[in-house]
Every structure is written in C-alpha cells, then in structure tokens.
Amino acid sequence: SASDNMNIVMAMNMGGDDFIPKPVDLNVLTAKLQAALRRAYDMGG
C-alpha cells in the first residue's frame, strides 16, 4: 500500500521484477502476472 517511488526502487534493487500497489486491482494483477510469466517462461521455460 506504500507505493511510493522509494519502495518501488528498493523492491527492484532487492531482486523484485515488478510492483503492484494496494488495494490490488484484479485486472492490474492479471495483466502484470501474465506479462511477467510470459517474459520469464515463453523464452525457454
């Protein structure tokens, strides 16, 4: 829920791939998860 820029930068620096703010919008959740899964697994499993 603390979706400020510093948290986003820190999350990425810690090895995170993306950031979803709360309250979670289920459409945003769906889009971000599917995009991240495609990036990770469409190219070689």
Full PDB file with SEQRES, HELIX, SHEET, SSBOND, CRYST1, ORIGX, SCALE, CONECT and MASTER records, all heavy atoms in Angstrom:
SEQRES   1 A   45  SER ALA SER ASP ASN MET ASN ILE VAL MET ALA MET ASN          
SEQRES   2 A   45  MET GLY GLY ASP ASP PHE ILE PRO LYS PRO VAL ASP LEU          
SEQRES   3 A   45  ASN VAL LEU THR ALA LYS LEU GLN ALA ALA LEU ARG ARG          
SEQRES   4 A   45  ALA TYR ASP MET GLY GLY                                      
HELIX    1 AA1 ASN A    5  ASN A   13  1                                   9    
HELIX    2 AA2 LEU A   26  TYR A   41  1                                  16    
CRYST1    1.000    1.000    1.000  90.00  90.00  90.00 P 1           1          
ORIGX1      1.000000  0.000000  0.000000        0.00000                         
ORIGX2      0.000000  1.000000  0.000000        0.00000                         
ORIGX3      0.000000  0.000000  1.000000        0.00000                         
SCALE1      1.000000  0.000000  0.000000        0.00000                         
SCALE2      0.000000  1.000000  0.000000        0.00000                         
SCALE3      0.000000  0.000000  1.000000        0.00000                         
ATOM      1  N   SER A   1       0.843  -1.194   0.000  1.00  0.00           N  
ATOM      2  CA  SER A   1       0.000   0.000   0.000  1.00  0.00           C  
ATOM      3  C   SER A   1       0.882   1.249   0.000  1.00  0.00           C  
ATOM      4  O   SER A   1       0.441   2.326  -0.353  1.00  0.00           O  
ATOM      5  CB  SER A   1      -0.917   0.009   1.223  1.00  0.00           C  
ATOM      6  OG  SER A   1      -0.167  -0.227   2.385  1.00  0.00           O  
ATOM      7  N   ALA A   2       2.135   1.078   0.411  1.00  0.00           N  
ATOM      8  CA  ALA A   2       3.065   2.208   0.413  1.00  0.00           C  
ATOM      9  C   ALA A   2       3.762   2.273  -0.938  1.00  0.00           C  
ATOM     10  O   ALA A   2       4.951   2.035  -1.058  1.00  0.00           O  
ATOM     11  CB  ALA A   2       4.082   2.038   1.540  1.00  0.00           C  
ATOM     12  N   SER A   3       2.977   2.619  -1.971  1.00  0.00           N  
ATOM     13  CA  SER A   3       3.500   2.529  -3.332  1.00  0.00           C  
ATOM     14  C   SER A   3       4.214   3.805  -3.771  1.00  0.00           C  
ATOM     15  O   SER A   3       3.935   4.371  -4.814  1.00  0.00           O  
ATOM     16  CB  SER A   3       2.367   2.198  -4.304  1.00  0.00           C  
ATOM     17  OG  SER A   3       1.345   3.156  -4.200  1.00  0.00           O  
ATOM     18  N   ASP A   4       5.129   4.296  -2.911  1.00  0.00           N  
ATOM     19  CA  ASP A   4       5.892   5.473  -3.310  1.00  0.00           C  
ATOM     20  C   ASP A   4       7.113   5.036  -4.118  1.00  0.00           C  
ATOM     21  O   ASP A   4       7.482   3.865  -4.144  1.00  0.00           O  
ATOM     22  CB  ASP A   4       6.324   6.273  -2.071  1.00  0.00           C  
ATOM     23  CG  ASP A   4       7.157   5.427  -1.124  1.00  0.00           C  
ATOM     24  OD1 ASP A   4       8.371   5.321  -1.352  1.00  0.00           O  
ATOM     25  OD2 ASP A   4       6.581   4.853  -0.173  1.00  0.00           O  
ATOM     26  N   ASN A   5       7.749   5.997  -4.751  1.00  0.00           N  
ATOM     27  CA  ASN A   5       8.865   5.683  -5.646  1.00  0.00           C  
ATOM     28  C   ASN A   5      10.015   4.983  -4.944  1.00  0.00           C  
ATOM     29  O   ASN A   5      10.664   4.099  -5.510  1.00  0.00           O  
ATOM     30  CB  ASN A   5       9.382   6.966  -6.324  1.00  0.00           C  
ATOM     31  CG  ASN A   5       8.387   7.485  -7.348  1.00  0.00           C  
ATOM     32  OD1 ASN A   5       7.539   6.733  -7.816  1.00  0.00           O  
ATOM     33  ND2 ASN A   5       8.483   8.757  -7.678  1.00  0.00           N  
ATOM     34  N   MET A   6      10.297   5.370  -3.681  1.00  0.00           N  
ATOM     35  CA  MET A   6      11.431   4.766  -2.980  1.00  0.00           C  
ATOM     36  C   MET A   6      11.210   3.268  -2.763  1.00  0.00           C  
ATOM     37  O   MET A   6      12.119   2.467  -2.937  1.00  0.00           O  
ATOM     38  CB  MET A   6      11.644   5.469  -1.623  1.00  0.00           C  
ATOM     39  CG  MET A   6      12.896   4.995  -0.896  1.00  0.00           C  
ATOM     40  SD  MET A   6      14.390   5.090  -1.935  1.00  0.00           S  
ATOM     41  CE  MET A   6      14.572   6.864  -2.059  1.00  0.00           C  
ATOM     42  N   ASN A   7       9.981   2.886  -2.402  1.00  0.00           N  
ATOM     43  CA  ASN A   7       9.692   1.459  -2.220  1.00  0.00           C  
ATOM     44  C   ASN A   7       9.832   0.698  -3.528  1.00  0.00           C  
ATOM     45  O   ASN A   7      10.315  -0.435  -3.548  1.00  0.00           O  
ATOM     46  CB  ASN A   7       8.275   1.263  -1.659  1.00  0.00           C  
ATOM     47  CG  ASN A   7       8.242   1.402  -0.150  1.00  0.00           C  
ATOM     48  OD1 ASN A   7       9.255   1.232   0.514  1.00  0.00           O  
ATOM     49  ND2 ASN A   7       7.085   1.733   0.382  1.00  0.00           N  
ATOM     50  N   ILE A   8       9.384   1.293  -4.614  1.00  0.00           N  
ATOM     51  CA  ILE A   8       9.469   0.638  -5.921  1.00  0.00           C  
ATOM     52  C   ILE A   8      10.932   0.429  -6.305  1.00  0.00           C  
ATOM     53  O   ILE A   8      11.342  -0.653  -6.722  1.00  0.00           O  
ATOM     54  CB  ILE A   8       8.739   1.470  -6.997  1.00  0.00           C  
ATOM     55  CG1 ILE A   8       7.236   1.492  -6.695  1.00  0.00           C  
ATOM     56  CG2 ILE A   8       8.999   0.900  -8.390  1.00  0.00           C  
ATOM     57  CD1 ILE A   8       6.431   2.450  -7.543  1.00  0.00           C  
ATOM     58  N   VAL A   9      11.754   1.473  -6.121  1.00  0.00           N  
ATOM     59  CA  VAL A   9      13.189   1.367  -6.440  1.00  0.00           C  
ATOM     60  C   VAL A   9      13.844   0.304  -5.571  1.00  0.00           C  
ATOM     61  O   VAL A   9      14.616  -0.533  -6.048  1.00  0.00           O  
ATOM     62  CB  VAL A   9      13.891   2.742  -6.236  1.00  0.00           C  
ATOM     63  CG1 VAL A   9      15.402   2.594  -6.328  1.00  0.00           C  
ATOM     64  CG2 VAL A   9      13.397   3.735  -7.275  1.00  0.00           C  
ATOM     65  N   MET A  10      13.527   0.318  -4.265  1.00  0.00           N  
ATOM     66  CA  MET A  10      14.135  -0.643  -3.343  1.00  0.00           C  
ATOM     67  C   MET A  10      13.722  -2.067  -3.705  1.00  0.00           C  
ATOM     68  O   MET A  10      14.528  -2.999  -3.677  1.00  0.00           O  
ATOM     69  CB  MET A  10      13.717  -0.324  -1.909  1.00  0.00           C  
ATOM     70  CG  MET A  10      14.543  -1.062  -0.874  1.00  0.00           C  
ATOM     71  SD  MET A  10      14.305  -0.343   0.762  1.00  0.00           S  
ATOM     72  CE  MET A  10      15.166  -1.558   1.757  1.00  0.00           C  
ATOM     73  N   ALA A  11      12.435  -2.239  -4.067  1.00  0.00           N  
ATOM     74  CA  ALA A  11      11.938  -3.565  -4.449  1.00  0.00           C  
ATOM     75  C   ALA A  11      12.704  -4.105  -5.649  1.00  0.00           C  
ATOM     76  O   ALA A  11      13.102  -5.275  -5.687  1.00  0.00           O  
ATOM     77  CB  ALA A  11      10.444  -3.502  -4.758  1.00  0.00           C  
ATOM     78  N   MET A  12      12.942  -3.246  -6.632  1.00  0.00           N  
ATOM     79  CA  MET A  12      13.690  -3.670  -7.823  1.00  0.00           C  
ATOM     80  C   MET A  12      15.139  -3.990  -7.476  1.00  0.00           C  
ATOM     81  O   MET A  12      15.716  -4.962  -7.957  1.00  0.00           O  
ATOM     82  CB  MET A  12      13.655  -2.583  -8.906  1.00  0.00           C  
ATOM     83  CG  MET A  12      12.257  -2.228  -9.405  1.00  0.00           C  
ATOM     84  SD  MET A  12      11.313  -3.647 -10.002  1.00  0.00           S  
ATOM     85  CE  MET A  12       9.968  -3.667  -8.830  1.00  0.00           C  
ATOM     86  N   ASN A  13      15.730  -3.172  -6.594  1.00  0.00           N  
ATOM     87  CA  ASN A  13      17.120  -3.401  -6.200  1.00  0.00           C  
ATOM     88  C   ASN A  13      17.296  -4.690  -5.406  1.00  0.00           C  
ATOM     89  O   ASN A  13      18.372  -5.276  -5.393  1.00  0.00           O  
ATOM     90  CB  ASN A  13      17.653  -2.214  -5.373  1.00  0.00           C  
ATOM     91  CG  ASN A  13      17.884  -0.981  -6.217  1.00  0.00           C  
ATOM     92  OD1 ASN A  13      18.002  -1.077  -7.436  1.00  0.00           O  
ATOM     93  ND2 ASN A  13      17.935   0.181  -5.593  1.00  0.00           N  
ATOM     94  N   MET A  14      16.242  -5.111  -4.724  1.00  0.00           N  
ATOM     95  CA  MET A  14      16.297  -6.339  -3.931  1.00  0.00           C  
ATOM     96  C   MET A  14      16.066  -7.583  -4.784  1.00  0.00           C  
ATOM     97  O   MET A  14      16.014  -8.692  -4.266  1.00  0.00           O  
ATOM     98  CB  MET A  14      15.230  -6.293  -2.820  1.00  0.00           C  
ATOM     99  CG  MET A  14      15.544  -5.310  -1.727  1.00  0.00           C  
ATOM    100  SD  MET A  14      16.828  -5.920  -0.638  1.00  0.00           S  
ATOM    101  CE  MET A  14      16.922  -4.588   0.541  1.00  0.00           C  
ATOM    102  N   GLY A  15      15.847  -7.388  -6.083  1.00  0.00           N  
ATOM    103  CA  GLY A  15      15.652  -8.549  -6.949  1.00  0.00           C  
ATOM    104  C   GLY A  15      14.219  -8.743  -7.386  1.00  0.00           C  
ATOM    105  O   GLY A  15      13.882  -9.761  -7.985  1.00  0.00           O  
ATOM    106  N   GLY A  16      13.348  -7.769  -7.065  1.00  0.00           N  
ATOM    107  CA  GLY A  16      11.957  -7.857  -7.498  1.00  0.00           C  
ATOM    108  C   GLY A  16      11.819  -7.585  -8.988  1.00  0.00           C  
ATOM    109  O   GLY A  16      12.652  -6.912  -9.591  1.00  0.00           O  
ATOM    110  N   ASP A  17      10.762  -8.122  -9.593  1.00  0.00           N  
ATOM    111  CA  ASP A  17      10.529  -7.952 -11.032  1.00  0.00           C  
ATOM    112  C   ASP A  17       9.460  -6.917 -11.332  1.00  0.00           C  
ATOM    113  O   ASP A  17       9.423  -6.369 -12.428  1.00  0.00           O  
ATOM    114  CB  ASP A  17      10.123  -9.302 -11.655  1.00  0.00           C  
ATOM    115  CG  ASP A  17      11.262 -10.297 -11.619  1.00  0.00           C  
ATOM    116  OD1 ASP A  17      11.420 -10.999 -10.608  1.00  0.00           O  
ATOM    117  OD2 ASP A  17      12.010 -10.358 -12.598  1.00  0.00           O  
ATOM    118  N   ASP A  18       8.577  -6.674 -10.356  1.00  0.00           N  
ATOM    119  CA  ASP A  18       7.515  -5.688 -10.582  1.00  0.00           C  
ATOM    120  C   ASP A  18       6.902  -5.327  -9.238  1.00  0.00           C  
ATOM    121  O   ASP A  18       7.262  -5.895  -8.191  1.00  0.00           O  
ATOM    122  CB  ASP A  18       6.446  -6.249 -11.537  1.00  0.00           C  
ATOM    123  CG  ASP A  18       5.771  -5.136 -12.354  1.00  0.00           C  
ATOM    124  OD1 ASP A  18       5.767  -3.978 -11.895  1.00  0.00           O  
ATOM    125  OD2 ASP A  18       5.237  -5.452 -13.432  1.00  0.00           O  
ATOM    126  N   PHE A  19       5.940  -4.407  -9.271  1.00  0.00           N  
ATOM    127  CA  PHE A  19       5.356  -3.842  -8.054  1.00  0.00           C  
ATOM    128  C   PHE A  19       3.885  -3.589  -8.319  1.00  0.00           C  
ATOM    129  O   PHE A  19       3.530  -2.957  -9.314  1.00  0.00           O  
ATOM    130  CB  PHE A  19       6.092  -2.520  -7.751  1.00  0.00           C  
ATOM    131  CG  PHE A  19       5.914  -2.026  -6.354  1.00  0.00           C  
ATOM    132  CD1 PHE A  19       6.915  -2.206  -5.412  1.00  0.00           C  
ATOM    133  CD2 PHE A  19       4.761  -1.349  -5.976  1.00  0.00           C  
ATOM    134  CE1 PHE A  19       6.773  -1.728  -4.113  1.00  0.00           C  
ATOM    135  CE2 PHE A  19       4.604  -0.881  -4.686  1.00  0.00           C  
ATOM    136  CZ  PHE A  19       5.618  -1.064  -3.756  1.00  0.00           C  
ATOM    137  N   ILE A  20       3.009  -4.095  -7.461  1.00  0.00           N  
ATOM    138  CA  ILE A  20       1.568  -3.860  -7.598  1.00  0.00           C  
ATOM    139  C   ILE A  20       1.083  -3.116  -6.352  1.00  0.00           C  
ATOM    140  O   ILE A  20       1.237  -3.610  -5.230  1.00  0.00           O  
ATOM    141  CB  ILE A  20       0.785  -5.183  -7.755  1.00  0.00           C  
ATOM    142  CG1 ILE A  20       1.233  -5.925  -9.021  1.00  0.00           C  
ATOM    143  CG2 ILE A  20      -0.723  -4.908  -7.799  1.00  0.00           C  
ATOM    144  CD1 ILE A  20       0.592  -7.298  -9.189  1.00  0.00           C  
ATOM    145  N   PRO A  21       0.510  -1.903  -6.536  1.00  0.00           N  
ATOM    146  CA  PRO A  21       0.036  -1.146  -5.369  1.00  0.00           C  
ATOM    147  C   PRO A  21      -1.257  -1.731  -4.800  1.00  0.00           C  
ATOM    148  O   PRO A  21      -2.041  -2.340  -5.508  1.00  0.00           O  
ATOM    149  CB  PRO A  21      -0.192   0.254  -5.927  1.00  0.00           C  
ATOM    150  CG  PRO A  21      -0.452   0.046  -7.388  1.00  0.00           C  
ATOM    151  CD  PRO A  21       0.322  -1.163  -7.801  1.00  0.00           C  
ATOM    152  N   LYS A  22      -1.438  -1.547  -3.484  1.00  0.00           N  
ATOM    153  CA  LYS A  22      -2.696  -1.909  -2.823  1.00  0.00           C  
ATOM    154  C   LYS A  22      -3.541  -0.644  -2.701  1.00  0.00           C  
ATOM    155  O   LYS A  22      -2.993   0.443  -2.554  1.00  0.00           O  
ATOM    156  CB  LYS A  22      -2.420  -2.474  -1.432  1.00  0.00           C  
ATOM    157  CG  LYS A  22      -1.767  -3.840  -1.413  1.00  0.00           C  
ATOM    158  CD  LYS A  22      -1.620  -4.264   0.039  1.00  0.00           C  
ATOM    159  CE  LYS A  22      -0.990  -5.624   0.185  1.00  0.00           C  
ATOM    160  NZ  LYS A  22      -0.819  -5.981   1.595  1.00  0.00           N  
ATOM    161  N   PRO A  23      -4.875  -0.771  -2.681  1.00  0.00           N  
ATOM    162  CA  PRO A  23      -5.638  -2.017  -2.857  1.00  0.00           C  
ATOM    163  C   PRO A  23      -5.442  -2.590  -4.254  1.00  0.00           C  
ATOM    164  O   PRO A  23      -5.392  -1.843  -5.229  1.00  0.00           O  
ATOM    165  CB  PRO A  23      -7.088  -1.589  -2.621  1.00  0.00           C  
ATOM    166  CG  PRO A  23      -7.094  -0.112  -2.894  1.00  0.00           C  
ATOM    167  CD  PRO A  23      -5.749   0.407  -2.503  1.00  0.00           C  
ATOM    168  N   VAL A  24      -5.298  -3.905  -4.305  1.00  0.00           N  
ATOM    169  CA  VAL A  24      -4.970  -4.568  -5.566  1.00  0.00           C  
ATOM    170  C   VAL A  24      -6.168  -4.557  -6.508  1.00  0.00           C  
ATOM    171  O   VAL A  24      -7.257  -5.017  -6.146  1.00  0.00           O  
ATOM    172  CB  VAL A  24      -4.501  -6.014  -5.313  1.00  0.00           C  
ATOM    173  CG1 VAL A  24      -4.292  -6.755  -6.622  1.00  0.00           C  
ATOM    174  CG2 VAL A  24      -3.210  -6.013  -4.500  1.00  0.00           C  
ATOM    175  N   ASP A  25      -5.954  -4.027  -7.706  1.00  0.00           N  
ATOM    176  CA  ASP A  25      -6.955  -4.096  -8.770  1.00  0.00           C  
ATOM    177  C   ASP A  25      -6.732  -5.440  -9.473  1.00  0.00           C  
ATOM    178  O   ASP A  25      -5.642  -5.704  -9.991  1.00  0.00           O  
ATOM    179  CB  ASP A  25      -6.745  -2.930  -9.736  1.00  0.00           C  
ATOM    180  CG  ASP A  25      -7.746  -2.933 -10.888  1.00  0.00           C  
ATOM    181  OD1 ASP A  25      -7.930  -4.001 -11.514  1.00  0.00           O  
ATOM    182  OD2 ASP A  25      -8.321  -1.869 -11.176  1.00  0.00           O  
ATOM    183  N   LEU A  26      -7.753  -6.295  -9.491  1.00  0.00           N  
ATOM    184  CA  LEU A  26      -7.581  -7.643 -10.038  1.00  0.00           C  
ATOM    185  C   LEU A  26      -7.227  -7.641 -11.520  1.00  0.00           C  
ATOM    186  O   LEU A  26      -6.547  -8.549 -12.007  1.00  0.00           O  
ATOM    187  CB  LEU A  26      -8.835  -8.486  -9.783  1.00  0.00           C  
ATOM    188  CG  LEU A  26      -9.111  -8.815  -8.311  1.00  0.00           C  
ATOM    189  CD1 LEU A  26     -10.360  -9.668  -8.177  1.00  0.00           C  
ATOM    190  CD2 LEU A  26      -7.926  -9.507  -7.653  1.00  0.00           C  
ATOM    191  N   ASN A  27      -7.681  -6.618 -12.255  1.00  0.00           N  
ATOM    192  CA  ASN A  27      -7.297  -6.520 -13.670  1.00  0.00           C  
ATOM    193  C   ASN A  27      -5.812  -6.197 -13.826  1.00  0.00           C  
ATOM    194  O   ASN A  27      -5.129  -6.737 -14.699  1.00  0.00           O  
ATOM    195  CB  ASN A  27      -8.138  -5.450 -14.379  1.00  0.00           C  
ATOM    196  CG  ASN A  27      -9.598  -5.869 -14.510  1.00  0.00           C  
ATOM    197  OD1 ASN A  27      -9.882  -7.047 -14.724  1.00  0.00           O  
ATOM    198  ND2 ASN A  27     -10.504  -4.928 -14.349  1.00  0.00           N  
ATOM    199  N   VAL A  28      -5.318  -5.314 -12.944  1.00  0.00           N  
ATOM    200  CA  VAL A  28      -3.886  -4.976 -12.956  1.00  0.00           C  
ATOM    201  C   VAL A  28      -3.072  -6.208 -12.547  1.00  0.00           C  
ATOM    202  O   VAL A  28      -2.042  -6.525 -13.160  1.00  0.00           O  
ATOM    203  CB  VAL A  28      -3.586  -3.791 -12.006  1.00  0.00           C  
ATOM    204  CG1 VAL A  28      -2.083  -3.572 -11.859  1.00  0.00           C  
ATOM    205  CG2 VAL A  28      -4.269  -2.526 -12.513  1.00  0.00           C  
ATOM    206  N   LEU A  29      -3.540  -6.898 -11.511  1.00  0.00           N  
ATOM    207  CA  LEU A  29      -2.878  -8.132 -11.055  1.00  0.00           C  
ATOM    208  C   LEU A  29      -2.759  -9.134 -12.205  1.00  0.00           C  
ATOM    209  O   LEU A  29      -1.675  -9.665 -12.475  1.00  0.00           O  
ATOM    210  CB  LEU A  29      -3.674  -8.755  -9.905  1.00  0.00           C  
ATOM    211  CG  LEU A  29      -3.210 -10.139  -9.425  1.00  0.00           C  
ATOM    212  CD1 LEU A  29      -1.964 -10.029  -8.574  1.00  0.00           C  
ATOM    213  CD2 LEU A  29      -4.314 -10.844  -8.624  1.00  0.00           C  
ATOM    214  N   THR A  30      -3.864  -9.365 -12.896  1.00  0.00           N  
ATOM    215  CA  THR A  30      -3.891 -10.316 -14.011  1.00  0.00           C  
ATOM    216  C   THR A  30      -2.902  -9.909 -15.105  1.00  0.00           C  
ATOM    217  O   THR A  30      -2.091 -10.725 -15.558  1.00  0.00           O  
ATOM    218  CB  THR A  30      -5.309 -10.410 -14.611  1.00  0.00           C  
ATOM    219  OG1 THR A  30      -6.215 -10.839 -13.599  1.00  0.00           O  
ATOM    220  CG2 THR A  30      -5.347 -11.401 -15.759  1.00  0.00           C  
ATOM    221  N   ALA A  31      -2.949  -8.641 -15.494  1.00  0.00           N  
ATOM    222  CA  ALA A  31      -2.086  -8.155 -16.578  1.00  0.00           C  
ATOM    223  C   ALA A  31      -0.614  -8.263 -16.209  1.00  0.00           C  
ATOM    224  O   ALA A  31       0.209  -8.728 -17.012  1.00  0.00           O  
ATOM    225  CB  ALA A  31      -2.442  -6.715 -16.919  1.00  0.00           C  
ATOM    226  N   LYS A  32      -0.269  -7.865 -14.980  1.00  0.00           N  
ATOM    227  CA  LYS A  32       1.147  -7.860 -14.570  1.00  0.00           C  
ATOM    228  C   LYS A  32       1.681  -9.280 -14.411  1.00  0.00           C  
ATOM    229  O   LYS A  32       2.814  -9.577 -14.806  1.00  0.00           O  
ATOM    230  CB  LYS A  32       1.324  -7.064 -13.275  1.00  0.00           C  
ATOM    231  CG  LYS A  32       1.123  -5.575 -13.458  1.00  0.00           C  
ATOM    232  CD  LYS A  32       1.991  -4.774 -12.509  1.00  0.00           C  
ATOM    233  CE  LYS A  32       1.930  -3.287 -12.827  1.00  0.00           C  
ATOM    234  NZ  LYS A  32       3.062  -2.545 -12.265  1.00  0.00           N  
ATOM    235  N   LEU A  33       0.879 -10.164 -13.828  1.00  0.00           N  
ATOM    236  CA  LEU A  33       1.325 -11.546 -13.658  1.00  0.00           C  
ATOM    237  C   LEU A  33       1.522 -12.230 -15.008  1.00  0.00           C  
ATOM    238  O   LEU A  33       2.528 -12.902 -15.232  1.00  0.00           O  
ATOM    239  CB  LEU A  33       0.319 -12.344 -12.814  1.00  0.00           C  
ATOM    240  CG  LEU A  33       0.729 -12.543 -11.350  1.00  0.00           C  
ATOM    241  CD1 LEU A  33       0.788 -11.207 -10.630  1.00  0.00           C  
ATOM    242  CD2 LEU A  33      -0.226 -13.487 -10.644  1.00  0.00           C  
ATOM    243  N   GLN A  34       0.571 -12.061 -15.894  1.00  0.00           N  
ATOM    244  CA  GLN A  34       0.678 -12.705 -17.198  1.00  0.00           C  
ATOM    245  C   GLN A  34       1.876 -12.176 -17.983  1.00  0.00           C  
ATOM    246  O   GLN A  34       2.585 -12.933 -18.651  1.00  0.00           O  
ATOM    247  CB  GLN A  34      -0.631 -12.538 -17.981  1.00  0.00           C  
ATOM    248  CG  GLN A  34      -1.770 -13.350 -17.380  1.00  0.00           C  
ATOM    249  CD  GLN A  34      -3.036 -13.291 -18.202  1.00  0.00           C  
ATOM    250  OE1 GLN A  34      -3.207 -12.414 -19.042  1.00  0.00           O  
ATOM    251  NE2 GLN A  34      -3.944 -14.222 -17.965  1.00  0.00           N  
ATOM    252  N   ALA A  35       2.120 -10.869 -17.887  1.00  0.00           N  
ATOM    253  CA  ALA A  35       3.266 -10.278 -18.589  1.00  0.00           C  
ATOM    254  C   ALA A  35       4.578 -10.820 -18.024  1.00  0.00           C  
ATOM    255  O   ALA A  35       5.493 -11.182 -18.776  1.00  0.00           O  
ATOM    256  CB  ALA A  35       3.230  -8.759 -18.474  1.00  0.00           C  
ATOM    257  N   ALA A  36       4.670 -10.895 -16.699  1.00  0.00           N  
ATOM    258  CA  ALA A  36       5.902 -11.377 -16.072  1.00  0.00           C  
ATOM    259  C   ALA A  36       6.128 -12.858 -16.373  1.00  0.00           C  
ATOM    260  O   ALA A  36       7.268 -13.292 -16.602  1.00  0.00           O  
ATOM    261  CB  ALA A  36       5.843 -11.151 -14.557  1.00  0.00           C  
ATOM    262  N   LEU A  37       5.055 -13.652 -16.381  1.00  0.00           N  
ATOM    263  CA  LEU A  37       5.182 -15.083 -16.698  1.00  0.00           C  
ATOM    264  C   LEU A  37       5.620 -15.281 -18.146  1.00  0.00           C  
ATOM    265  O   LEU A  37       6.446 -16.146 -18.443  1.00  0.00           O  
ATOM    266  CB  LEU A  37       3.855 -15.807 -16.436  1.00  0.00           C  
ATOM    267  CG  LEU A  37       3.500 -16.013 -14.962  1.00  0.00           C  
ATOM    268  CD1 LEU A  37       2.046 -16.430 -14.810  1.00  0.00           C  
ATOM    269  CD2 LEU A  37       4.416 -17.060 -14.318  1.00  0.00           C  
ATOM    270  N   ARG A  38       5.069 -14.465 -19.050  1.00  0.00           N  
ATOM    271  CA  ARG A  38       5.478 -14.563 -20.463  1.00  0.00           C  
ATOM    272  C   ARG A  38       6.955 -14.239 -20.621  1.00  0.00           C  
ATOM    273  O   ARG A  38       7.693 -14.931 -21.313  1.00  0.00           O  
ATOM    274  CB  ARG A  38       4.636 -13.614 -21.334  1.00  0.00           C  
ATOM    275  CG  ARG A  38       3.326 -14.223 -21.819  1.00  0.00           C  
ATOM    276  CD  ARG A  38       2.753 -13.406 -22.969  1.00  0.00           C  
ATOM    277  NE  ARG A  38       2.512 -12.021 -22.612  1.00  0.00           N  
ATOM    278  CZ  ARG A  38       1.400 -11.576 -22.019  1.00  0.00           C  
ATOM    279  NH1 ARG A  38       0.428 -12.430 -21.732  1.00  0.00           N  
ATOM    280  NH2 ARG A  38       1.254 -10.301 -21.724  1.00  0.00           N  
ATOM    281  N   ARG A  39       7.388 -13.162 -19.955  1.00  0.00           N  
ATOM    282  CA  ARG A  39       8.802 -12.761 -20.053  1.00  0.00           C  
ATOM    283  C   ARG A  39       9.709 -13.868 -19.533  1.00  0.00           C  
ATOM    284  O   ARG A  39      10.764 -14.138 -20.097  1.00  0.00           O  
ATOM    285  CB  ARG A  39       9.055 -11.484 -19.225  1.00  0.00           C  
ATOM    286  CG  ARG A  39       8.567 -10.215 -19.868  1.00  0.00           C  
ATOM    287  CD  ARG A  39       9.188  -8.984 -19.204  1.00  0.00           C  
ATOM    288  NE  ARG A  39       8.892  -8.904 -17.780  1.00  0.00           N  
ATOM    289  CZ  ARG A  39       7.827  -8.291 -17.274  1.00  0.00           C  
ATOM    290  NH1 ARG A  39       6.929  -7.736 -18.077  1.00  0.00           N  
ATOM    291  NH2 ARG A  39       7.648  -8.233 -15.975  1.00  0.00           N  
ATOM    292  N   ALA A  40       9.289 -14.503 -18.448  1.00  0.00           N  
ATOM    293  CA  ALA A  40      10.167 -15.491 -17.803  1.00  0.00           C  
ATOM    294  C   ALA A  40      10.154 -16.846 -18.494  1.00  0.00           C  
ATOM    295  O   ALA A  40      11.177 -17.526 -18.542  1.00  0.00           O  
ATOM    296  CB  ALA A  40       9.752 -15.655 -16.338  1.00  0.00           C  
ATOM    297  N   TYR A  41       9.003 -17.250 -19.043  1.00  0.00           N  
ATOM    298  CA  TYR A  41       8.874 -18.644 -19.467  1.00  0.00           C  
ATOM    299  C   TYR A  41       8.595 -18.878 -20.940  1.00  0.00           C  
ATOM    300  O   TYR A  41       8.772 -19.982 -21.421  1.00  0.00           O  
ATOM    301  CB  TYR A  41       7.809 -19.343 -18.618  1.00  0.00           C  
ATOM    302  CG  TYR A  41       8.161 -19.294 -17.155  1.00  0.00           C  
ATOM    303  CD1 TYR A  41       7.422 -18.535 -16.263  1.00  0.00           C  
ATOM    304  CD2 TYR A  41       9.271 -19.981 -16.677  1.00  0.00           C  
ATOM    305  CE1 TYR A  41       7.767 -18.460 -14.921  1.00  0.00           C  
ATOM    306  CE2 TYR A  41       9.621 -19.918 -15.344  1.00  0.00           C  
ATOM    307  CZ  TYR A  41       8.873 -19.160 -14.461  1.00  0.00           C  
ATOM    308  OH  TYR A  41       9.235 -19.096 -13.153  1.00  0.00           O  
ATOM    309  N   ASP A  42       8.187 -17.866 -21.672  1.00  0.00           N  
ATOM    310  CA  ASP A  42       7.968 -18.081 -23.104  1.00  0.00           C  
ATOM    311  C   ASP A  42       9.283 -18.328 -23.825  1.00  0.00           C  
ATOM    312  O   ASP A  42       9.332 -18.998 -24.835  1.00  0.00           O  
ATOM    313  CB  ASP A  42       7.254 -16.872 -23.737  1.00  0.00           C  
ATOM    314  CG  ASP A  42       5.753 -16.944 -23.512  1.00  0.00           C  
ATOM    315  OD1 ASP A  42       5.326 -17.873 -22.808  1.00  0.00           O  
ATOM    316  OD2 ASP A  42       5.025 -16.098 -24.032  1.00  0.00           O  
ATOM    317  N   MET A  43      10.374 -17.778 -23.291  1.00  0.00           N  
ATOM    318  CA  MET A  43      11.666 -17.922 -23.929  1.00  0.00           C  
ATOM    319  C   MET A  43      12.481 -19.002 -23.232  1.00  0.00           C  
ATOM    320  O   MET A  43      13.457 -18.735 -22.556  1.00  0.00           O  
ATOM    321  CB  MET A  43      12.432 -16.588 -23.883  1.00  0.00           C  
ATOM    322  CG  MET A  43      11.686 -15.442 -24.527  1.00  0.00           C  
ATOM    323  SD  MET A  43      11.341 -15.725 -26.273  1.00  0.00           S  
ATOM    324  CE  MET A  43      12.990 -15.633 -26.937  1.00  0.00           C  
ATOM    325  N   GLY A  44      12.058 -20.233 -23.337  1.00  0.00           N  
ATOM    326  CA  GLY A  44      12.914 -21.313 -22.849  1.00  0.00           C  
ATOM    327  C   GLY A  44      12.462 -21.992 -21.581  1.00  0.00           C  
ATOM    328  O   GLY A  44      13.173 -22.822 -21.040  1.00  0.00           O  
ATOM    329  N   GLY A  45      11.297 -21.646 -21.073  1.00  0.00           N  
ATOM    330  CA  GLY A  45      10.743 -22.430 -19.975  1.00  0.00           C  
ATOM    331  C   GLY A  45      11.303 -22.098 -18.608  1.00  0.00           C  
ATOM    332  O   GLY A  45      11.868 -21.055 -18.357  1.00  0.00           O  
TER     333      GLY A  45                                                      
MASTER        0    0    0    2    0    0    0    6  332    1    0    4          
END                                                                             
